[in-house]
Amino acid sequence: DVLRQLPRGVRCQRANLTDAELALAYGGARALVYPSLYEGFGMPVIEAMACGCPVITTQHGSLREAAGQAACLISGYSVDEMRAAMHRMADERYCSELRQLGLAHVQSFRWRTMAELFCRELHGLHAEARRGDYRHFFSEWRKLREIHASIET
């Protein structure tokens, strides 16, 4: 239904790309336009920046953090705002600035750093659980689950 509502001359095509092909696509794109109003993390924003692709995205969800100051940020609610952002991508100096900012920004997103942080947090939670910090929570949670189970049957 969505495809049938596209304006004349607008074509939509799904592409299943390998990681290498996606990197090439980002690297050759004028910009990644990612107008999400809610995003869990914003991995496409980080991926595009890592490939030197300028990014247009919103300030919603985690996108503000994922994009930092290295993207053209929009509200995502205005067609005129989106049009203006896309027109800005014709300015090669602006695109070059976004490329450089993006390449610098993505340096703070490293798998090893994330894995080390995750492990630290996991070990901390394990230590807290062993001390019994969550006994009260799990006791209350168990009561709620028992009530829930009795309602389902």
C-alpha atoms as a PDB file:
ATOM      1  CA  ASP A   1       0.000   0.000   0.000  1.00  0.00           C
ATOM      2  CA  VAL A   2       2.802   2.421   0.844  1.00  0.00           C
ATOM      3  CA  LEU A   3       4.523   1.806  -2.484  1.00  0.00           C
ATOM      4  CA  ARG A   4       1.309   2.557  -4.387  1.00  0.00           C
ATOM      5  CA  GLN A   5       1.059   5.931  -2.659  1.00  0.00           C
ATOM      6  CA  LEU A   6       4.480   7.137  -3.790  1.00  0.00           C
ATOM      7  CA  PRO A   7       4.397  10.212  -6.044  1.00  0.00           C
ATOM      8  CA  ARG A   8       4.972   9.777  -9.783  1.00  0.00           C
ATOM      9  CA  GLY A   9       8.670   9.413 -10.555  1.00  0.00           C
ATOM     10  CA  VAL A  10       9.594   8.171  -7.083  1.00  0.00           C
ATOM     11  CA  ARG A  11      10.911   4.653  -7.073  1.00  0.00           C
ATOM     12  CA  CYS A  12      11.501   2.421  -4.059  1.00  0.00           C
ATOM     13  CA  GLN A  13      13.767  -0.576  -4.251  1.00  0.00           C
ATOM     14  CA  ARG A  14      14.891  -2.893  -1.470  1.00  0.00           C
ATOM     15  CA  ALA A  15      18.549  -3.851  -1.600  1.00  0.00           C
ATOM     16  CA  ASN A  16      20.018  -6.777   0.311  1.00  0.00           C
ATOM     17  CA  LEU A  17      23.666  -5.843   0.662  1.00  0.00           C
ATOM     18  CA  THR A  18      26.661  -7.514   2.249  1.00  0.00           C
ATOM     19  CA  ASP A  19      28.639  -5.460   4.770  1.00  0.00           C
ATOM     20  CA  ALA A  20      31.219  -4.658   2.086  1.00  0.00           C
ATOM     21  CA  GLU A  21      28.521  -3.592  -0.390  1.00  0.00           C
ATOM     22  CA  LEU A  22      26.827  -1.465   2.260  1.00  0.00           C
ATOM     23  CA  ALA A  23      30.130   0.270   3.039  1.00  0.00           C
ATOM     24  CA  LEU A  24      30.543   1.025  -0.673  1.00  0.00           C
ATOM     25  CA  ALA A  25      26.986   2.371  -0.853  1.00  0.00           C
ATOM     26  CA  TYR A  26      27.545   4.648   2.143  1.00  0.00           C
ATOM     27  CA  GLY A  27      30.888   5.759   0.755  1.00  0.00           C
ATOM     28  CA  GLY A  28      29.348   6.751  -2.570  1.00  0.00           C
ATOM     29  CA  ALA A  29      26.171   8.347  -1.241  1.00  0.00           C
ATOM     30  CA  ARG A  30      25.591  12.099  -1.138  1.00  0.00           C
ATOM     31  CA  ALA A  31      24.136  11.563   2.364  1.00  0.00           C
ATOM     32  CA  LEU A  32      22.309   9.108   4.568  1.00  0.00           C
ATOM     33  CA  VAL A  33      18.816  10.467   5.228  1.00  0.00           C
ATOM     34  CA  TYR A  34      17.599   8.800   8.414  1.00  0.00           C
ATOM     35  CA  PRO A  35      14.473  10.643   9.641  1.00  0.00           C
ATOM     36  CA  SER A  36      13.508   8.186  12.380  1.00  0.00           C
ATOM     37  CA  LEU A  37      11.223   9.503  15.125  1.00  0.00           C
ATOM     38  CA  TYR A  38      12.348   6.741  17.492  1.00  0.00           C
ATOM     39  CA  GLU A  39      15.472   4.672  17.350  1.00  0.00           C
ATOM     40  CA  GLY A  40      16.930   2.069  19.664  1.00  0.00           C
ATOM     41  CA  PHE A  41      20.533   2.987  18.908  1.00  0.00           C
ATOM     42  CA  GLY A  42      21.080   4.375  15.437  1.00  0.00           C
ATOM     43  CA  MET A  43      23.655   1.970  14.034  1.00  0.00           C
ATOM     44  CA  PRO A  44      23.091   3.125  10.415  1.00  0.00           C
ATOM     45  CA  VAL A  45      24.130   6.646  11.469  1.00  0.00           C
ATOM     46  CA  ILE A  46      27.396   5.345  12.951  1.00  0.00           C
ATOM     47  CA  GLU A  47      28.006   3.030   9.972  1.00  0.00           C
ATOM     48  CA  ALA A  48      27.477   5.834   7.467  1.00  0.00           C
ATOM     49  CA  MET A  49      29.776   8.208   9.325  1.00  0.00           C
ATOM     50  CA  ALA A  50      32.473   5.526   9.545  1.00  0.00           C
ATOM     51  CA  CYS A  51      32.328   5.319   5.727  1.00  0.00           C
ATOM     52  CA  GLY A  52      32.665   9.077   5.304  1.00  0.00           C
ATOM     53  CA  CYS A  53      29.019   9.619   4.457  1.00  0.00           C
ATOM     54  CA  PRO A  54      27.320  12.828   5.656  1.00  0.00           C
ATOM     55  CA  VAL A  55      24.170  12.190   7.714  1.00  0.00           C
ATOM     56  CA  ILE A  56      20.788  13.867   8.022  1.00  0.00           C
ATOM     57  CA  THR A  57      18.878  12.540  11.024  1.00  0.00           C
ATOM     58  CA  THR A  58      16.576  13.544  13.846  1.00  0.00           C
ATOM     59  CA  GLN A  59      17.232  14.305  17.492  1.00  0.00           C
ATOM     60  CA  HIS A  60      14.887  11.574  18.710  1.00  0.00           C
ATOM     61  CA  GLY A  61      15.642   8.504  20.795  1.00  0.00           C
ATOM     62  CA  SER A  62      19.313   7.652  20.790  1.00  0.00           C
ATOM     63  CA  LEU A  63      19.986   9.427  17.507  1.00  0.00           C
ATOM     64  CA  ARG A  64      21.184  12.639  19.194  1.00  0.00           C
ATOM     65  CA  GLU A  65      23.946  10.655  20.924  1.00  0.00           C
ATOM     66  CA  ALA A  66      24.694   8.491  17.889  1.00  0.00           C
ATOM     67  CA  ALA A  67      25.009  11.568  15.652  1.00  0.00           C
ATOM     68  CA  GLY A  68      26.576  13.968  18.134  1.00  0.00           C
ATOM     69  CA  GLN A  69      27.522  17.244  16.474  1.00  0.00           C
ATOM     70  CA  ALA A  70      28.565  15.383  13.312  1.00  0.00           C
ATOM     71  CA  ALA A  71      25.228  15.322  11.487  1.00  0.00           C
ATOM     72  CA  CYS A  72      22.615  17.653  10.110  1.00  0.00           C
ATOM     73  CA  LEU A  73      19.973  17.309  12.842  1.00  0.00           C
ATOM     74  CA  ILE A  74      16.316  17.943  12.080  1.00  0.00           C
ATOM     75  CA  SER A  75      13.056  17.572  14.007  1.00  0.00           C
ATOM     76  CA  GLY A  76      11.642  14.969  11.618  1.00  0.00           C
ATOM     77  CA  TYR A  77       8.212  16.605  11.578  1.00  0.00           C
ATOM     78  CA  SER A  78       8.627  19.168   8.805  1.00  0.00           C
ATOM     79  CA  VAL A  79       8.791  18.509   5.061  1.00  0.00           C
ATOM     80  CA  ASP A  80      10.277  21.986   4.529  1.00  0.00           C
ATOM     81  CA  GLU A  81      12.978  21.286   7.117  1.00  0.00           C
ATOM     82  CA  MET A  82      13.807  17.968   5.420  1.00  0.00           C
ATOM     83  CA  ARG A  83      13.913  19.657   2.018  1.00  0.00           C
ATOM     84  CA  ALA A  84      16.269  22.357   3.336  1.00  0.00           C
ATOM     85  CA  ALA A  85      18.549  19.731   4.912  1.00  0.00           C
ATOM     86  CA  MET A  86      18.695  17.786   1.658  1.00  0.00           C
ATOM     87  CA  HIS A  87      19.483  20.969  -0.290  1.00  0.00           C
ATOM     88  CA  ARG A  88      22.356  21.651   2.137  1.00  0.00           C
ATOM     89  CA  MET A  89      23.948  18.408   0.941  1.00  0.00           C
ATOM     90  CA  ALA A  90      24.608  20.118  -2.410  1.00  0.00           C
ATOM     91  CA  ASP A  91      27.154  22.327  -0.590  1.00  0.00           C
ATOM     92  CA  GLU A  92      30.400  20.356  -0.923  1.00  0.00           C
ATOM     93  CA  ARG A  93      32.097  22.380   1.845  1.00  0.00           C
ATOM     94  CA  TYR A  94      29.300  21.531   4.271  1.00  0.00           C
ATOM     95  CA  CYS A  95      29.404  17.844   3.265  1.00  0.00           C
ATOM     96  CA  SER A  96      33.172  17.780   3.686  1.00  0.00           C
ATOM     97  CA  GLU A  97      32.811  19.248   7.178  1.00  0.00           C
ATOM     98  CA  LEU A  98      30.196  16.617   8.105  1.00  0.00           C
ATOM     99  CA  ARG A  99      32.449  13.857   6.727  1.00  0.00           C
ATOM    100  CA  GLN A 100      35.380  14.979   8.865  1.00  0.00           C
ATOM    101  CA  LEU A 101      33.232  15.466  11.971  1.00  0.00           C
ATOM    102  CA  GLY A 102      31.619  12.055  11.418  1.00  0.00           C
ATOM    103  CA  LEU A 103      34.912  10.231  10.994  1.00  0.00           C
ATOM    104  CA  ALA A 104      36.176  11.799  14.231  1.00  0.00           C
ATOM    105  CA  HIS A 105      32.908  11.171  16.096  1.00  0.00           C
ATOM    106  CA  VAL A 106      32.739   7.446  15.335  1.00  0.00           C
ATOM    107  CA  GLN A 107      36.094   6.929  17.025  1.00  0.00           C
ATOM    108  CA  SER A 108      34.214   6.983  20.349  1.00  0.00           C
ATOM    109  CA  PHE A 109      32.139   3.965  19.263  1.00  0.00           C
ATOM    110  CA  ARG A 110      34.393   0.931  19.508  1.00  0.00           C
ATOM    111  CA  TRP A 111      33.285  -2.676  19.976  1.00  0.00           C
ATOM    112  CA  ARG A 112      36.122  -3.403  22.406  1.00  0.00           C
ATOM    113  CA  THR A 113      35.219  -0.410  24.590  1.00  0.00           C
ATOM    114  CA  MET A 114      31.548  -1.421  24.578  1.00  0.00           C
ATOM    115  CA  ALA A 115      32.409  -5.050  25.400  1.00  0.00           C
ATOM    116  CA  GLU A 116      34.671  -4.009  28.282  1.00  0.00           C
ATOM    117  CA  LEU A 117      31.974  -1.713  29.679  1.00  0.00           C
ATOM    118  CA  PHE A 118      29.350  -4.427  29.308  1.00  0.00           C
ATOM    119  CA  CYS A 119      31.577  -6.961  31.117  1.00  0.00           C
ATOM    120  CA  ARG A 120      32.275  -4.479  33.934  1.00  0.00           C
ATOM    121  CA  GLU A 121      28.549  -3.844  34.363  1.00  0.00           C
ATOM    122  CA  LEU A 122      27.757  -7.553  34.243  1.00  0.00           C
ATOM    123  CA  HIS A 123      30.383  -8.348  36.896  1.00  0.00           C
ATOM    124  CA  GLY A 124      29.024  -5.511  39.028  1.00  0.00           C
ATOM    125  CA  LEU A 125      25.466  -6.852  38.750  1.00  0.00           C
ATOM    126  CA  HIS A 126      26.677 -10.333  39.603  1.00  0.00           C
ATOM    127  CA  ALA A 127      28.432  -9.032  42.731  1.00  0.00           C
ATOM    128  CA  GLU A 128      25.310  -7.109  43.776  1.00  0.00           C
ATOM    129  CA  ALA A 129      23.143 -10.192  43.266  1.00  0.00           C
ATOM    130  CA  ARG A 130      25.522 -12.344  45.323  1.00  0.00           C
ATOM    131  CA  ARG A 131      25.307  -9.785  48.160  1.00  0.00           C
ATOM    132  CA  GLY A 132      21.524 -10.112  48.031  1.00  0.00           C
ATOM    133  CA  ASP A 133      20.855  -6.566  46.832  1.00  0.00           C
ATOM    134  CA  TYR A 134      17.922  -7.778  44.706  1.00  0.00           C
ATOM    135  CA  ARG A 135      16.210 -10.186  47.103  1.00  0.00           C
ATOM    136  CA  HIS A 136      13.373  -7.785  47.858  1.00  0.00           C
ATOM    137  CA  PHE A 137      12.823  -7.033  44.181  1.00  0.00           C
ATOM    138  CA  PHE A 138      12.694 -10.712  43.211  1.00  0.00           C
ATOM    139  CA  SER A 139      10.396 -11.494  46.127  1.00  0.00           C
ATOM    140  CA  GLU A 140       7.932  -8.846  44.937  1.00  0.00           C
ATOM    141  CA  TRP A 141       8.377  -9.872  41.320  1.00  0.00           C
ATOM    142  CA  ARG A 142       7.571 -13.477  42.219  1.00  0.00           C
ATOM    143  CA  LYS A 143       4.341 -12.370  43.946  1.00  0.00           C
ATOM    144  CA  LEU A 144       3.324 -10.386  40.858  1.00  0.00           C
ATOM    145  CA  ARG A 145       4.055 -13.329  38.564  1.00  0.00           C
ATOM    146  CA  GLU A 146       1.963 -15.623  40.804  1.00  0.00           C
ATOM    147  CA  ILE A 147      -0.941 -13.178  40.605  1.00  0.00           C
ATOM    148  CA  HIS A 148      -0.499 -12.941  36.850  1.00  0.00           C
ATOM    149  CA  ALA A 149      -0.410 -16.723  36.501  1.00  0.00           C
ATOM    150  CA  SER A 150      -3.588 -17.104  38.572  1.00  0.00           C
ATOM    151  CA  ILE A 151      -5.425 -14.639  36.333  1.00  0.00           C
ATOM    152  CA  GLU A 152      -4.342 -16.442  33.122  1.00  0.00           C
ATOM    153  CA  THR A 153      -5.796 -19.823  34.192  1.00  0.00           C
END
